[in-house]
Amino acid sequence: MSLDTLASRDQQIGLLERYGKLLTDRQRRALELHWVEDWSISEIADSQGTSRAAAHDLIRRASATLIESEERLGLLAEDRSRRDAVIRLGAEVSGLQKRLRHLELQLSRL
């Protein structure tokens, strides 16, 4: 899973929200700044008093920890599966409600 594309921003933030407590405070803050607040690596390095390379490495290792956690536990995938099931069930209920209204209308005409 690549976390470098713009399309994966929701995935990145989801990983951080779900597994962020597994990170050190410094790792979590660096990812929050980079992913949520859209800070550059240079800005993060300046804020933490480190080199750009050190900030990049911190973000890379923290990202890897989050990805590994999801691969082992699958909590985000499970959440996504549940949301999909709720959407399917909602559509099914809506269809049943429409069918019921149609049948009630037919019954009232009898």
PDB file of N, CA and C in Angstrom:
ATOM      1  N   MET A   1       0.860  -1.176   0.000  1.00  0.00           N
ATOM      2  CA  MET A   1       0.000   0.000   0.000  1.00  0.00           C
ATOM      3  C   MET A   1       0.897   1.227   0.000  1.00  0.00           C
ATOM      4  N   SER A   2       0.719   2.118  -0.955  1.00  0.00           N
ATOM      5  CA  SER A   2       1.516   3.329  -1.028  1.00  0.00           C
ATOM      6  C   SER A   2       0.750   4.475  -0.387  1.00  0.00           C
ATOM      7  N   LEU A   3       1.449   5.225   0.453  1.00  0.00           N
ATOM      8  CA  LEU A   3       0.799   6.340   1.132  1.00  0.00           C
ATOM      9  C   LEU A   3       1.219   7.680   0.540  1.00  0.00           C
ATOM     10  N   ASP A   4       1.811   7.661  -0.640  1.00  0.00           N
ATOM     11  CA  ASP A   4       2.314   8.890  -1.232  1.00  0.00           C
ATOM     12  C   ASP A   4       1.350   9.561  -2.193  1.00  0.00           C
ATOM     13  N   THR A   5       0.246   8.947  -2.520  1.00  0.00           N
ATOM     14  CA  THR A   5      -0.670   9.537  -3.480  1.00  0.00           C
ATOM     15  C   THR A   5      -1.750  10.340  -2.782  1.00  0.00           C
ATOM     16  N   LEU A   6      -2.222  11.343  -3.480  1.00  0.00           N
ATOM     17  CA  LEU A   6      -3.277  12.186  -2.932  1.00  0.00           C
ATOM     18  C   LEU A   6      -4.546  11.379  -2.672  1.00  0.00           C
ATOM     19  N   ALA A   7      -4.804  10.389  -3.507  1.00  0.00           N
ATOM     20  CA  ALA A   7      -6.007   9.567  -3.369  1.00  0.00           C
ATOM     21  C   ALA A   7      -6.005   8.772  -2.071  1.00  0.00           C
ATOM     22  N   SER A   8      -4.850   8.575  -1.472  1.00  0.00           N
ATOM     23  CA  SER A   8      -4.781   7.768  -0.259  1.00  0.00           C
ATOM     24  C   SER A   8      -4.868   8.617   1.016  1.00  0.00           C
ATOM     25  N   ARG A   9      -5.139   9.908   0.882  1.00  0.00           N
ATOM     26  CA  ARG A   9      -5.179  10.796   2.058  1.00  0.00           C
ATOM     27  C   ARG A   9      -6.174  10.299   3.114  1.00  0.00           C
ATOM     28  N   ASP A  10      -7.359   9.899   2.689  1.00  0.00           N
ATOM     29  CA  ASP A  10      -8.340   9.370   3.645  1.00  0.00           C
ATOM     30  C   ASP A  10      -7.814   8.109   4.314  1.00  0.00           C
ATOM     31  N   GLN A  11      -7.141   7.270   3.532  1.00  0.00           N
ATOM     32  CA  GLN A  11      -6.546   6.043   4.078  1.00  0.00           C
ATOM     33  C   GLN A  11      -5.485   6.396   5.120  1.00  0.00           C
ATOM     34  N   GLN A  12      -4.654   7.376   4.811  1.00  0.00           N
ATOM     35  CA  GLN A  12      -3.605   7.797   5.735  1.00  0.00           C
ATOM     36  C   GLN A  12      -4.208   8.280   7.054  1.00  0.00           C
ATOM     37  N   ILE A  13      -5.173   9.144   6.942  1.00  0.00           N
ATOM     38  CA  ILE A  13      -5.799   9.702   8.142  1.00  0.00           C
ATOM     39  C   ILE A  13      -6.539   8.613   8.912  1.00  0.00           C
ATOM     40  N   GLY A  14      -7.182   7.697   8.195  1.00  0.00           N
ATOM     41  CA  GLY A  14      -7.844   6.568   8.853  1.00  0.00           C
ATOM     42  C   GLY A  14      -6.860   5.711   9.626  1.00  0.00           C
ATOM     43  N   LEU A  15      -5.706   5.440   9.021  1.00  0.00           N
ATOM     44  CA  LEU A  15      -4.661   4.677   9.719  1.00  0.00           C
ATOM     45  C   LEU A  15      -4.211   5.402  10.976  1.00  0.00           C
ATOM     46  N   LEU A  16      -4.001   6.697  10.843  1.00  0.00           N
ATOM     47  CA  LEU A  16      -3.547   7.489  11.987  1.00  0.00           C
ATOM     48  C   LEU A  16      -4.588   7.512  13.101  1.00  0.00           C
ATOM     49  N   GLU A  17      -5.846   7.685  12.721  1.00  0.00           N
ATOM     50  CA  GLU A  17      -6.908   7.701  13.736  1.00  0.00           C
ATOM     51  C   GLU A  17      -7.038   6.350  14.434  1.00  0.00           C
ATOM     52  N   ARG A  18      -6.933   5.269  13.657  1.00  0.00           N
ATOM     53  CA  ARG A  18      -7.156   3.940  14.211  1.00  0.00           C
ATOM     54  C   ARG A  18      -5.955   3.437  15.008  1.00  0.00           C
ATOM     55  N   TYR A  19      -4.756   3.657  14.492  1.00  0.00           N
ATOM     56  CA  TYR A  19      -3.566   3.052  15.093  1.00  0.00           C
ATOM     57  C   TYR A  19      -2.572   4.070  15.667  1.00  0.00           C
ATOM     58  N   GLY A  20      -2.909   5.325  15.644  1.00  0.00           N
ATOM     59  CA  GLY A  20      -1.979   6.370  16.085  1.00  0.00           C
ATOM     60  C   GLY A  20      -1.466   6.192  17.505  1.00  0.00           C
ATOM     61  N   LYS A  21      -2.261   5.595  18.354  1.00  0.00           N
ATOM     62  CA  LYS A  21      -1.840   5.392  19.746  1.00  0.00           C
ATOM     63  C   LYS A  21      -0.680   4.404  19.865  1.00  0.00           C
ATOM     64  N   LEU A  22      -0.416   3.656  18.809  1.00  0.00           N
ATOM     65  CA  LEU A  22       0.704   2.721  18.821  1.00  0.00           C
ATOM     66  C   LEU A  22       2.034   3.418  18.548  1.00  0.00           C
ATOM     67  N   LEU A  23       1.974   4.663  18.103  1.00  0.00           N
ATOM     68  CA  LEU A  23       3.167   5.427  17.776  1.00  0.00           C
ATOM     69  C   LEU A  23       3.660   6.219  18.981  1.00  0.00           C
ATOM     70  N   THR A  24       4.910   6.645  18.910  1.00  0.00           N
ATOM     71  CA  THR A  24       5.406   7.565  19.935  1.00  0.00           C
ATOM     72  C   THR A  24       4.734   8.917  19.707  1.00  0.00           C
ATOM     73  N   ASP A  25       4.760   9.768  20.710  1.00  0.00           N
ATOM     74  CA  ASP A  25       4.177  11.101  20.563  1.00  0.00           C
ATOM     75  C   ASP A  25       4.829  11.850  19.408  1.00  0.00           C
ATOM     76  N   ARG A  26       6.120  11.712  19.274  1.00  0.00           N
ATOM     77  CA  ARG A  26       6.856  12.407  18.214  1.00  0.00           C
ATOM     78  C   ARG A  26       6.449  11.892  16.828  1.00  0.00           C
ATOM     79  N   GLN A  27       6.319  10.582  16.681  1.00  0.00           N
ATOM     80  CA  GLN A  27       5.894  10.006  15.409  1.00  0.00           C
ATOM     81  C   GLN A  27       4.473  10.449  15.065  1.00  0.00           C
ATOM     82  N   ARG A  28       3.595  10.361  16.055  1.00  0.00           N
ATOM     83  CA  ARG A  28       2.190  10.719  15.833  1.00  0.00           C
ATOM     84  C   ARG A  28       2.078  12.187  15.426  1.00  0.00           C
ATOM     85  N   ARG A  29       2.800  13.054  16.112  1.00  0.00           N
ATOM     86  CA  ARG A  29       2.734  14.487  15.808  1.00  0.00           C
ATOM     87  C   ARG A  29       3.273  14.772  14.404  1.00  0.00           C
ATOM     88  N   ALA A  30       4.350  14.093  14.025  1.00  0.00           N
ATOM     89  CA  ALA A  30       4.922  14.296  12.692  1.00  0.00           C
ATOM     90  C   ALA A  30       3.917  13.890  11.612  1.00  0.00           C
ATOM     91  N   LEU A  31       3.241  12.767  11.810  1.00  0.00           N
ATOM     92  CA  LEU A  31       2.240  12.337  10.822  1.00  0.00           C
ATOM     93  C   LEU A  31       1.038  13.271  10.801  1.00  0.00           C
ATOM     94  N   GLU A  32       0.615  13.738  11.968  1.00  0.00           N
ATOM     95  CA  GLU A  32      -0.492  14.694  12.008  1.00  0.00           C
ATOM     96  C   GLU A  32      -0.133  15.952  11.228  1.00  0.00           C
ATOM     97  N   LEU A  33       1.071  16.459  11.454  1.00  0.00           N
ATOM     98  CA  LEU A  33       1.499  17.663  10.743  1.00  0.00           C
ATOM     99  C   LEU A  33       1.559  17.408   9.238  1.00  0.00           C
ATOM    100  N   HIS A  34       2.101  16.283   8.854  1.00  0.00           N
ATOM    101  CA  HIS A  34       2.299  15.992   7.434  1.00  0.00           C
ATOM    102  C   HIS A  34       0.993  15.628   6.728  1.00  0.00           C
ATOM    103  N   TRP A  35       0.204  14.733   7.309  1.00  0.00           N
ATOM    104  CA  TRP A  35      -1.003  14.236   6.650  1.00  0.00           C
ATOM    105  C   TRP A  35      -2.219  15.110   6.872  1.00  0.00           C
ATOM    106  N   VAL A  36      -2.419  15.539   8.100  1.00  0.00           N
ATOM    107  CA  VAL A  36      -3.642  16.274   8.422  1.00  0.00           C
ATOM    108  C   VAL A  36      -3.479  17.765   8.142  1.00  0.00           C
ATOM    109  N   GLU A  37      -2.355  18.323   8.607  1.00  0.00           N
ATOM    110  CA  GLU A  37      -2.154  19.760   8.457  1.00  0.00           C
ATOM    111  C   GLU A  37      -1.375  20.118   7.193  1.00  0.00           C
ATOM    112  N   ASP A  38      -0.950  19.106   6.437  1.00  0.00           N
ATOM    113  CA  ASP A  38      -0.294  19.281   5.140  1.00  0.00           C
ATOM    114  C   ASP A  38       1.015  20.081   5.212  1.00  0.00           C
ATOM    115  N   TRP A  39       1.786  19.844   6.269  1.00  0.00           N
ATOM    116  CA  TRP A  39       3.095  20.482   6.384  1.00  0.00           C
ATOM    117  C   TRP A  39       4.088  19.735   5.510  1.00  0.00           C
ATOM    118  N   SER A  40       5.081  20.457   5.022  1.00  0.00           N
ATOM    119  CA  SER A  40       6.150  19.827   4.254  1.00  0.00           C
ATOM    120  C   SER A  40       7.131  19.150   5.213  1.00  0.00           C
ATOM    121  N   ILE A  41       7.976  18.296   4.659  1.00  0.00           N
ATOM    122  CA  ILE A  41       9.006  17.631   5.464  1.00  0.00           C
ATOM    123  C   ILE A  41       9.932  18.683   6.080  1.00  0.00           C
ATOM    124  N   SER A  42      10.268  19.709   5.304  1.00  0.00           N
ATOM    125  CA  SER A  42      11.148  20.776   5.808  1.00  0.00           C
ATOM    126  C   SER A  42      10.518  21.511   6.995  1.00  0.00           C
ATOM    127  N   GLU A  43       9.224  21.794   6.908  1.00  0.00           N
ATOM    128  CA  GLU A  43       8.534  22.471   8.010  1.00  0.00           C
ATOM    129  C   GLU A  43       8.514  21.600   9.263  1.00  0.00           C
ATOM    130  N   ILE A  44       8.291  20.320   9.072  1.00  0.00           N
ATOM    131  CA  ILE A  44       8.288  19.399  10.211  1.00  0.00           C
ATOM    132  C   ILE A  44       9.675  19.322  10.827  1.00  0.00           C
ATOM    133  N   ALA A  45      10.692  19.231   9.993  1.00  0.00           N
ATOM    134  CA  ALA A  45      12.074  19.185  10.494  1.00  0.00           C
ATOM    135  C   ALA A  45      12.390  20.437  11.298  1.00  0.00           C
ATOM    136  N   ASP A  46      12.010  21.594  10.787  1.00  0.00           N
ATOM    137  CA  ASP A  46      12.248  22.848  11.513  1.00  0.00           C
ATOM    138  C   ASP A  46      11.526  22.864  12.854  1.00  0.00           C
ATOM    139  N   SER A  47      10.272  22.401  12.855  1.00  0.00           N
ATOM    140  CA  SER A  47       9.485  22.434  14.095  1.00  0.00           C
ATOM    141  C   SER A  47      10.037  21.477  15.146  1.00  0.00           C
ATOM    142  N   GLN A  48      10.693  20.402  14.700  1.00  0.00           N
ATOM    143  CA  GLN A  48      11.226  19.417  15.632  1.00  0.00           C
ATOM    144  C   GLN A  48      12.718  19.590  15.879  1.00  0.00           C
ATOM    145  N   GLY A  49      13.302  20.569  15.222  1.00  0.00           N
ATOM    146  CA  GLY A  49      14.722  20.816  15.415  1.00  0.00           C
ATOM    147  C   GLY A  49      15.612  19.699  14.898  1.00  0.00           C
ATOM    148  N   THR A  50      15.204  19.074  13.790  1.00  0.00           N
ATOM    149  CA  THR A  50      15.986  17.990  13.208  1.00  0.00           C
ATOM    150  C   THR A  50      16.255  18.289  11.740  1.00  0.00           C
ATOM    151  N   SER A  51      16.991  17.412  11.112  1.00  0.00           N
ATOM    152  CA  SER A  51      17.263  17.571   9.685  1.00  0.00           C
ATOM    153  C   SER A  51      16.054  17.105   8.878  1.00  0.00           C
ATOM    154  N   ARG A  52      16.032  17.515   7.625  1.00  0.00           N
ATOM    155  CA  ARG A  52      14.965  17.086   6.734  1.00  0.00           C
ATOM    156  C   ARG A  52      14.999  15.572   6.568  1.00  0.00           C
ATOM    157  N   ALA A  53      16.199  15.005   6.467  1.00  0.00           N
ATOM    158  CA  ALA A  53      16.343  13.551   6.318  1.00  0.00           C
ATOM    159  C   ALA A  53      15.801  12.820   7.543  1.00  0.00           C
ATOM    160  N   ALA A  54      16.067  13.365   8.730  1.00  0.00           N
ATOM    161  CA  ALA A  54      15.577  12.734   9.960  1.00  0.00           C
ATOM    162  C   ALA A  54      14.047  12.800  10.022  1.00  0.00           C
ATOM    163  N   ALA A  55      13.480  13.931   9.621  1.00  0.00           N
ATOM    164  CA  ALA A  55      12.019  14.072   9.626  1.00  0.00           C
ATOM    165  C   ALA A  55      11.402  13.112   8.606  1.00  0.00           C
ATOM    166  N   HIS A  56      12.010  13.001   7.446  1.00  0.00           N
ATOM    167  CA  HIS A  56      11.518  12.081   6.420  1.00  0.00           C
ATOM    168  C   HIS A  56      11.568  10.640   6.927  1.00  0.00           C
ATOM    169  N   ASP A  57      12.662  10.270   7.557  1.00  0.00           N
ATOM    170  CA  ASP A  57      12.808   8.919   8.101  1.00  0.00           C
ATOM    171  C   ASP A  57      11.772   8.652   9.197  1.00  0.00           C
ATOM    172  N   LEU A  58      11.537   9.644  10.043  1.00  0.00           N
ATOM    173  CA  LEU A  58      10.543   9.514  11.111  1.00  0.00           C
ATOM    174  C   LEU A  58       9.160   9.244  10.517  1.00  0.00           C
ATOM    175  N   ILE A  59       8.800   9.992   9.500  1.00  0.00           N
ATOM    176  CA  ILE A  59       7.498   9.820   8.855  1.00  0.00           C
ATOM    177  C   ILE A  59       7.421   8.469   8.151  1.00  0.00           C
ATOM    178  N   ARG A  60       8.496   8.082   7.485  1.00  0.00           N
ATOM    179  CA  ARG A  60       8.523   6.797   6.778  1.00  0.00           C
ATOM    180  C   ARG A  60       8.364   5.633   7.752  1.00  0.00           C
ATOM    181  N   ARG A  61       9.109   5.661   8.871  1.00  0.00           N
ATOM    182  CA  ARG A  61       9.014   4.567   9.842  1.00  0.00           C
ATOM    183  C   ARG A  61       7.646   4.542  10.526  1.00  0.00           C
ATOM    184  N   ALA A  62       7.114   5.714  10.866  1.00  0.00           N
ATOM    185  CA  ALA A  62       5.794   5.773  11.500  1.00  0.00           C
ATOM    186  C   ALA A  62       4.718   5.254  10.538  1.00  0.00           C
ATOM    187  N   SER A  63       4.812   5.630   9.268  1.00  0.00           N
ATOM    188  CA  SER A  63       3.867   5.146   8.252  1.00  0.00           C
ATOM    189  C   SER A  63       3.937   3.632   8.133  1.00  0.00           C
ATOM    190  N   ALA A  64       5.153   3.109   8.139  1.00  0.00           N
ATOM    191  CA  ALA A  64       5.331   1.656   8.032  1.00  0.00           C
ATOM    192  C   ALA A  64       4.704   0.943   9.230  1.00  0.00           C
ATOM    193  N   THR A  65       4.828   1.543  10.395  1.00  0.00           N
ATOM    194  CA  THR A  65       4.224   0.953  11.594  1.00  0.00           C
ATOM    195  C   THR A  65       2.707   0.895  11.461  1.00  0.00           C
ATOM    196  N   LEU A  66       2.110   1.969  10.946  1.00  0.00           N
ATOM    197  CA  LEU A  66       0.654   2.000  10.772  1.00  0.00           C
ATOM    198  C   LEU A  66       0.197   0.976   9.737  1.00  0.00           C
ATOM    199  N   ILE A  67       0.930   0.891   8.643  1.00  0.00           N
ATOM    200  CA  ILE A  67       0.580  -0.070   7.588  1.00  0.00           C
ATOM    201  C   ILE A  67       0.692  -1.489   8.120  1.00  0.00           C
ATOM    202  N   GLU A  68       1.766  -1.759   8.827  1.00  0.00           N
ATOM    203  CA  GLU A  68       1.954  -3.096   9.400  1.00  0.00           C
ATOM    204  C   GLU A  68       0.836  -3.430  10.389  1.00  0.00           C
ATOM    205  N   SER A  69       0.431  -2.462  11.169  1.00  0.00           N
ATOM    206  CA  SER A  69      -0.659  -2.685  12.126  1.00  0.00           C
ATOM    207  C   SER A  69      -1.953  -3.031  11.411  1.00  0.00           C
ATOM    208  N   GLU A  70      -2.238  -2.321  10.324  1.00  0.00           N
ATOM    209  CA  GLU A  70      -3.455  -2.615   9.559  1.00  0.00           C
ATOM    210  C   GLU A  70      -3.360  -3.985   8.898  1.00  0.00           C
ATOM    211  N   GLU A  71      -2.184  -4.323   8.389  1.00  0.00           N
ATOM    212  CA  GLU A  71      -2.031  -5.635   7.758  1.00  0.00           C
ATOM    213  C   GLU A  71      -2.232  -6.760   8.768  1.00  0.00           C
ATOM    214  N   ARG A  72      -1.794  -6.557   9.982  1.00  0.00           N
ATOM    215  CA  ARG A  72      -1.944  -7.593  11.014  1.00  0.00           C
ATOM    216  C   ARG A  72      -3.356  -7.645  11.589  1.00  0.00           C
ATOM    217  N   LEU A  73      -3.945  -6.475  11.846  1.00  0.00           N
ATOM    218  CA  LEU A  73      -5.224  -6.421  12.545  1.00  0.00           C
ATOM    219  C   LEU A  73      -6.428  -6.221  11.628  1.00  0.00           C
ATOM    220  N   GLY A  74      -6.257  -5.506  10.541  1.00  0.00           N
ATOM    221  CA  GLY A  74      -7.330  -5.309   9.567  1.00  0.00           C
ATOM    222  C   GLY A  74      -8.525  -4.527  10.061  1.00  0.00           C
ATOM    223  N   LEU A  75      -8.333  -3.623  11.009  1.00  0.00           N
ATOM    224  CA  LEU A  75      -9.464  -2.891  11.576  1.00  0.00           C
ATOM    225  C   LEU A  75     -10.101  -1.927  10.584  1.00  0.00           C
ATOM    226  N   LEU A  76      -9.279  -1.263   9.767  1.00  0.00           N
ATOM    227  CA  LEU A  76      -9.846  -0.358   8.769  1.00  0.00           C
ATOM    228  C   LEU A  76     -10.632  -1.130   7.711  1.00  0.00           C
ATOM    229  N   ALA A  77     -10.092  -2.249   7.290  1.00  0.00           N
ATOM    230  CA  ALA A  77     -10.795  -3.080   6.307  1.00  0.00           C
ATOM    231  C   ALA A  77     -12.122  -3.562   6.886  1.00  0.00           C
ATOM    232  N   GLU A  78     -12.114  -3.920   8.151  1.00  0.00           N
ATOM    233  CA  GLU A  78     -13.347  -4.360   8.809  1.00  0.00           C
ATOM    234  C   GLU A  78     -14.357  -3.218   8.887  1.00  0.00           C
ATOM    235  N   ASP A  79     -13.885  -2.015   9.229  1.00  0.00           N
ATOM    236  CA  ASP A  79     -14.776  -0.850   9.259  1.00  0.00           C
ATOM    237  C   ASP A  79     -15.380  -0.589   7.891  1.00  0.00           C
ATOM    238  N   ARG A  80     -14.556  -0.668   6.861  1.00  0.00           N
ATOM    239  CA  ARG A  80     -15.014  -0.439   5.496  1.00  0.00           C
ATOM    240  C   ARG A  80     -16.065  -1.485   5.106  1.00  0.00           C
ATOM    241  N   SER A  81     -15.823  -2.720   5.487  1.00  0.00           N
ATOM    242  CA  SER A  81     -16.771  -3.796   5.194  1.00  0.00           C
ATOM    243  C   SER A  81     -18.107  -3.548   5.893  1.00  0.00           C
ATOM    244  N   ARG A  82     -18.043  -3.101   7.124  1.00  0.00           N
ATOM    245  CA  ARG A  82     -19.284  -2.797   7.861  1.00  0.00           C
ATOM    246  C   ARG A  82     -20.036  -1.647   7.223  1.00  0.00           C
ATOM    247  N   ARG A  83     -19.302  -0.580   6.832  1.00  0.00           N
ATOM    248  CA  ARG A  83     -19.955   0.559   6.184  1.00  0.00           C
ATOM    249  C   ARG A  83     -20.630   0.127   4.889  1.00  0.00           C
ATOM    250  N   ASP A  84     -19.940  -0.706   4.121  1.00  0.00           N
ATOM    251  CA  ASP A  84     -20.521  -1.208   2.870  1.00  0.00           C
ATOM    252  C   ASP A  84     -21.783  -2.019   3.141  1.00  0.00           C
ATOM    253  N   ALA A  85     -21.752  -2.832   4.189  1.00  0.00           N
ATOM    254  CA  ALA A  85     -22.920  -3.640   4.543  1.00  0.00           C
ATOM    255  C   ALA A  85     -24.086  -2.743   4.956  1.00  0.00           C
ATOM    256  N   VAL A  86     -23.803  -1.689   5.705  1.00  0.00           N
ATOM    257  CA  VAL A  86     -24.858  -0.758   6.124  1.00  0.00           C
ATOM    258  C   VAL A  86     -25.467  -0.074   4.903  1.00  0.00           C
ATOM    259  N   ILE A  87     -24.633   0.305   3.956  1.00  0.00           N
ATOM    260  CA  ILE A  87     -25.136   0.937   2.731  1.00  0.00           C
ATOM    261  C   ILE A  87     -26.017  -0.032   1.953  1.00  0.00           C
ATOM    262  N   ARG A  88     -25.564  -1.271   1.811  1.00  0.00           N
ATOM    263  CA  ARG A  88     -26.368  -2.281   1.098  1.00  0.00           C
ATOM    264  C   ARG A  88     -27.694  -2.519   1.805  1.00  0.00           C
ATOM    265  N   LEU A  89     -27.643  -2.634   3.139  1.00  0.00           N
ATOM    266  CA  LEU A  89     -28.876  -2.863   3.893  1.00  0.00           C
ATOM    267  C   LEU A  89     -29.817  -1.665   3.788  1.00  0.00           C
ATOM    268  N   GLY A  90     -29.256  -0.466   3.802  1.00  0.00           N
ATOM    269  CA  GLY A  90     -30.074   0.738   3.645  1.00  0.00           C
ATOM    270  C   GLY A  90     -30.785   0.755   2.301  1.00  0.00           C
ATOM    271  N   ALA A  91     -30.066   0.378   1.260  1.00  0.00           N
ATOM    272  CA  ALA A  91     -30.668   0.323  -0.073  1.00  0.00           C
ATOM    273  C   ALA A  91     -31.756  -0.743  -0.115  1.00  0.00           C
ATOM    274  N   GLU A  92     -31.498  -1.867   0.534  1.00  0.00           N
ATOM    275  CA  GLU A  92     -32.497  -2.934   0.564  1.00  0.00           C
ATOM    276  C   GLU A  92     -33.747  -2.502   1.327  1.00  0.00           C
ATOM    277  N   VAL A  93     -33.568  -1.849   2.452  1.00  0.00           N
ATOM    278  CA  VAL A  93     -34.714  -1.356   3.235  1.00  0.00           C
ATOM    279  C   VAL A  93     -35.501  -0.339   2.421  1.00  0.00           C
ATOM    280  N   SER A  94     -34.791   0.544   1.739  1.00  0.00           N
ATOM    281  CA  SER A  94     -35.467   1.541   0.907  1.00  0.00           C
ATOM    282  C   SER A  94     -36.300   0.861  -0.172  1.00  0.00           C
ATOM    283  N   GLY A  95     -35.737  -0.148  -0.793  1.00  0.00           N
ATOM    284  CA  GLY A  95     -36.476  -0.894  -1.809  1.00  0.00           C
ATOM    285  C   GLY A  95     -37.700  -1.580  -1.227  1.00  0.00           C
ATOM    286  N   LEU A  96     -37.550  -2.156  -0.047  1.00  0.00           N
ATOM    287  CA  LEU A  96     -38.689  -2.814   0.605  1.00  0.00           C
ATOM    288  C   LEU A  96     -39.768  -1.804   0.985  1.00  0.00           C
ATOM    289  N   GLN A  97     -39.359  -0.610   1.428  1.00  0.00           N
ATOM    290  CA  GLN A  97     -40.336   0.429   1.776  1.00  0.00           C
ATOM    291  C   GLN A  97     -41.113   0.869   0.539  1.00  0.00           C
ATOM    292  N   LYS A  98     -40.419   1.020  -0.575  1.00  0.00           N
ATOM    293  CA  LYS A  98     -41.101   1.392  -1.818  1.00  0.00           C
ATOM    294  C   LYS A  98     -42.091   0.300  -2.227  1.00  0.00           C
ATOM    295  N   ARG A  99     -41.644  -0.923  -2.114  1.00  0.00           N
ATOM    296  CA  ARG A  99     -42.512  -2.066  -2.474  1.00  0.00           C
ATOM    297  C   ARG A  99     -43.737  -2.096  -1.561  1.00  0.00           C
ATOM    298  N   LEU A 100     -43.536  -1.855  -0.269  1.00  0.00           N
ATOM    299  CA  LEU A 100     -44.639  -1.848   0.687  1.00  0.00           C
ATOM    300  C   LEU A 100     -45.633  -0.731   0.361  1.00  0.00           C
ATOM    301  N   ARG A 101     -45.131   0.463   0.042  1.00  0.00           N
ATOM    302  CA  ARG A 101     -46.035   1.562  -0.331  1.00  0.00           C
ATOM    303  C   ARG A 101     -46.842   1.207  -1.581  1.00  0.00           C
ATOM    304  N   HIS A 102     -46.180   0.590  -2.520  1.00  0.00           N
ATOM    305  CA  HIS A 102     -46.867   0.161  -3.754  1.00  0.00           C
ATOM    306  C   HIS A 102     -47.973  -0.857  -3.434  1.00  0.00           C
ATOM    307  N   LEU A 103     -47.653  -1.821  -2.580  1.00  0.00           N
ATOM    308  CA  LEU A 103     -48.647  -2.831  -2.211  1.00  0.00           C
ATOM    309  C   LEU A 103     -49.792  -2.218  -1.416  1.00  0.00           C
ATOM    310  N   GLU A 104     -49.477  -1.273  -0.531  1.00  0.00           N
ATOM    311  CA  GLU A 104     -50.535  -0.598   0.238  1.00  0.00           C
ATOM    312  C   GLU A 104     -51.453   0.180  -0.691  1.00  0.00           C
ATOM    313  N   LEU A 105     -50.876   0.820  -1.695  1.00  0.00           N
ATOM    314  CA  LEU A 105     -51.659   1.559  -2.663  1.00  0.00           C
ATOM    315  C   LEU A 105     -52.583   0.615  -3.436  1.00  0.00           C
ATOM    316  N   GLN A 106     -52.045  -0.521  -3.852  1.00  0.00           N
ATOM    317  CA  GLN A 106     -52.868  -1.495  -4.555  1.00  0.00           C
ATOM    318  C   GLN A 106     -53.973  -2.018  -3.661  1.00  0.00           C
ATOM    319  N   LEU A 107     -53.642  -2.260  -2.402  1.00  0.00           N
ATOM    320  CA  LEU A 107     -54.639  -2.764  -1.454  1.00  0.00           C
ATOM    321  C   LEU A 107     -55.741  -1.730  -1.222  1.00  0.00           C
ATOM    322  N   SER A 108     -55.383  -0.468  -1.163  1.00  0.00           N
ATOM    323  CA  SER A 108     -56.399   0.570  -0.923  1.00  0.00           C
ATOM    324  C   SER A 108     -57.344   0.728  -2.108  1.00  0.00           C
ATOM    325  N   ARG A 109     -56.920   0.304  -3.268  1.00  0.00           N
ATOM    326  CA  ARG A 109     -57.767   0.393  -4.460  1.00  0.00           C
ATOM    327  C   ARG A 109     -58.767  -0.753  -4.548  1.00  0.00           C
ATOM    328  N   LEU A 110     -58.570  -1.770  -3.736  1.00  0.00           N
ATOM    329  CA  LEU A 110     -59.479  -2.933  -3.782  1.00  0.00           C
ATOM    330  C   LEU A 110     -60.766  -2.684  -3.074  1.00  0.00           C
TER     331      LEU A 110
END
